[in-house]
Amino acid sequence: MRNPQQVAQMMLLQDCGWLDDLWLRYWANGGSAGIFEFDAFLHGLREPDVFEVQILAWAIEDLSCRLLNSTGSGQLLSGELG
């Protein structure tokens, strides 16, 4: 997988609505940052620890699977997760 921070930034550039979805999946997977801290982390304003980066990767994978299963149009994420 590419750097999860970069993948998330690309997602947000395409649609800023991804922020809430990403944060909810991040939080559901054990992330501890609030949405404002999470946004700062995605934009490089706060340095995350290694575990937070892994949780972000899981959140991206979760969203990708949900998109593929529900609509069959998970093109945005499936190409990024390699």
C-alpha atoms as a PDB file:
ATOM      1  CA  MET A   1       0.000   0.000   0.000  1.00  0.00           C
ATOM      2  CA  ARG A   2       1.141   3.510  -0.668  1.00  0.00           C
ATOM      3  CA  ASN A   3       1.623   5.839   2.252  1.00  0.00           C
ATOM      4  CA  PRO A   4      -1.854   5.935   3.880  1.00  0.00           C
ATOM      5  CA  GLN A   5      -1.511   9.672   4.507  1.00  0.00           C
ATOM      6  CA  GLN A   6      -0.952  10.299   0.800  1.00  0.00           C
ATOM      7  CA  VAL A   7      -3.871   8.061  -0.200  1.00  0.00           C
ATOM      8  CA  ALA A   8      -6.141   9.904   2.237  1.00  0.00           C
ATOM      9  CA  GLN A   9      -4.952  13.272   0.911  1.00  0.00           C
ATOM     10  CA  MET A  10      -5.771  12.181  -2.653  1.00  0.00           C
ATOM     11  CA  MET A  11      -9.200  11.040  -1.515  1.00  0.00           C
ATOM     12  CA  LEU A  12      -9.847  14.406   0.126  1.00  0.00           C
ATOM     13  CA  LEU A  13      -8.708  16.276  -2.976  1.00  0.00           C
ATOM     14  CA  GLN A  14     -11.303  14.372  -5.012  1.00  0.00           C
ATOM     15  CA  ASP A  15     -14.082  14.826  -2.454  1.00  0.00           C
ATOM     16  CA  CYS A  16     -13.761  16.545   0.926  1.00  0.00           C
ATOM     17  CA  GLY A  17     -16.709  14.437   2.110  1.00  0.00           C
ATOM     18  CA  TRP A  18     -14.281  11.572   2.633  1.00  0.00           C
ATOM     19  CA  LEU A  19     -13.004  13.214   5.820  1.00  0.00           C
ATOM     20  CA  ASP A  20     -15.973  12.157   7.942  1.00  0.00           C
ATOM     21  CA  ASP A  21     -16.024   8.631   6.498  1.00  0.00           C
ATOM     22  CA  LEU A  22     -12.302   8.180   6.986  1.00  0.00           C
ATOM     23  CA  TRP A  23     -12.379   9.503  10.523  1.00  0.00           C
ATOM     24  CA  LEU A  24     -15.320   7.260  11.493  1.00  0.00           C
ATOM     25  CA  ARG A  25     -13.541   4.165  10.133  1.00  0.00           C
ATOM     26  CA  TYR A  26     -10.287   5.277  11.805  1.00  0.00           C
ATOM     27  CA  TRP A  27     -12.068   5.726  15.132  1.00  0.00           C
ATOM     28  CA  ALA A  28     -13.951   2.423  14.768  1.00  0.00           C
ATOM     29  CA  ASN A  29     -10.631   0.640  14.237  1.00  0.00           C
ATOM     30  CA  GLY A  30      -9.178   2.009  17.470  1.00  0.00           C
ATOM     31  CA  GLY A  31      -7.927   5.460  16.525  1.00  0.00           C
ATOM     32  CA  SER A  32      -7.861   7.955  19.370  1.00  0.00           C
ATOM     33  CA  ALA A  33      -7.620  11.323  17.607  1.00  0.00           C
ATOM     34  CA  GLY A  34     -10.630  13.591  17.423  1.00  0.00           C
ATOM     35  CA  ILE A  35     -11.728  14.731  13.995  1.00  0.00           C
ATOM     36  CA  PHE A  36      -9.728  17.991  14.143  1.00  0.00           C
ATOM     37  CA  GLU A  37      -6.538  16.172  15.208  1.00  0.00           C
ATOM     38  CA  PHE A  38      -7.209  13.588  12.505  1.00  0.00           C
ATOM     39  CA  ASP A  39      -7.598  16.303   9.865  1.00  0.00           C
ATOM     40  CA  ALA A  40      -4.329  17.894  11.020  1.00  0.00           C
ATOM     41  CA  PHE A  41      -2.628  14.476  10.791  1.00  0.00           C
ATOM     42  CA  LEU A  42      -3.911  13.974   7.228  1.00  0.00           C
ATOM     43  CA  HIS A  43      -2.584  17.363   6.173  1.00  0.00           C
ATOM     44  CA  GLY A  44       0.820  16.882   7.810  1.00  0.00           C
ATOM     45  CA  LEU A  45       0.274  19.408  10.594  1.00  0.00           C
ATOM     46  CA  ARG A  46       0.575  16.782  13.317  1.00  0.00           C
ATOM     47  CA  GLU A  47       3.035  13.908  13.322  1.00  0.00           C
ATOM     48  CA  PRO A  48       1.239  10.591  13.909  1.00  0.00           C
ATOM     49  CA  ASP A  49       2.751   7.595  15.604  1.00  0.00           C
ATOM     50  CA  VAL A  50       3.253   4.368  13.664  1.00  0.00           C
ATOM     51  CA  PHE A  51       0.106   2.763  15.076  1.00  0.00           C
ATOM     52  CA  GLU A  52      -2.080   5.691  13.964  1.00  0.00           C
ATOM     53  CA  VAL A  53      -0.749   5.310  10.424  1.00  0.00           C
ATOM     54  CA  GLN A  54      -1.632   1.602  10.528  1.00  0.00           C
ATOM     55  CA  ILE A  55      -5.140   2.405  11.764  1.00  0.00           C
ATOM     56  CA  LEU A  56      -5.547   4.871   8.888  1.00  0.00           C
ATOM     57  CA  ALA A  57      -4.505   2.129   6.461  1.00  0.00           C
ATOM     58  CA  TRP A  58      -7.169  -0.151   7.949  1.00  0.00           C
ATOM     59  CA  ALA A  59      -9.765   2.619   7.616  1.00  0.00           C
ATOM     60  CA  ILE A  60      -8.910   3.074   3.937  1.00  0.00           C
ATOM     61  CA  GLU A  61      -9.122  -0.682   3.361  1.00  0.00           C
ATOM     62  CA  ASP A  62     -12.497  -0.808   5.155  1.00  0.00           C
ATOM     63  CA  LEU A  63     -13.889   1.969   2.984  1.00  0.00           C
ATOM     64  CA  SER A  64     -12.548   0.333  -0.149  1.00  0.00           C
ATOM     65  CA  CYS A  65     -14.220  -2.970   0.736  1.00  0.00           C
ATOM     66  CA  ARG A  66     -17.496  -1.237   1.540  1.00  0.00           C
ATOM     67  CA  LEU A  67     -17.473   0.576  -1.788  1.00  0.00           C
ATOM     68  CA  LEU A  68     -16.664  -2.569  -3.739  1.00  0.00           C
ATOM     69  CA  ASN A  69     -19.334  -4.604  -1.962  1.00  0.00           C
ATOM     70  CA  SER A  70     -22.119  -2.037  -1.994  1.00  0.00           C
ATOM     71  CA  THR A  71     -21.771  -0.426  -5.416  1.00  0.00           C
ATOM     72  CA  GLY A  72     -19.124  -2.299  -7.312  1.00  0.00           C
ATOM     73  CA  SER A  73     -17.555   1.080  -8.075  1.00  0.00           C
ATOM     74  CA  GLY A  74     -14.660   1.222  -5.666  1.00  0.00           C
ATOM     75  CA  GLN A  75     -12.349   2.404  -8.434  1.00  0.00           C
ATOM     76  CA  LEU A  76     -11.152   5.401  -6.428  1.00  0.00           C
ATOM     77  CA  LEU A  77      -9.652   3.301  -3.682  1.00  0.00           C
ATOM     78  CA  SER A  78      -8.995  -0.054  -5.306  1.00  0.00           C
ATOM     79  CA  GLY A  79      -6.326   1.399  -7.585  1.00  0.00           C
ATOM     80  CA  GLU A  80      -4.623   3.111  -4.662  1.00  0.00           C
ATOM     81  CA  LEU A  81      -4.416   0.110  -2.393  1.00  0.00           C
ATOM     82  CA  GLY A  82      -2.533  -1.955  -4.967  1.00  0.00           C
END
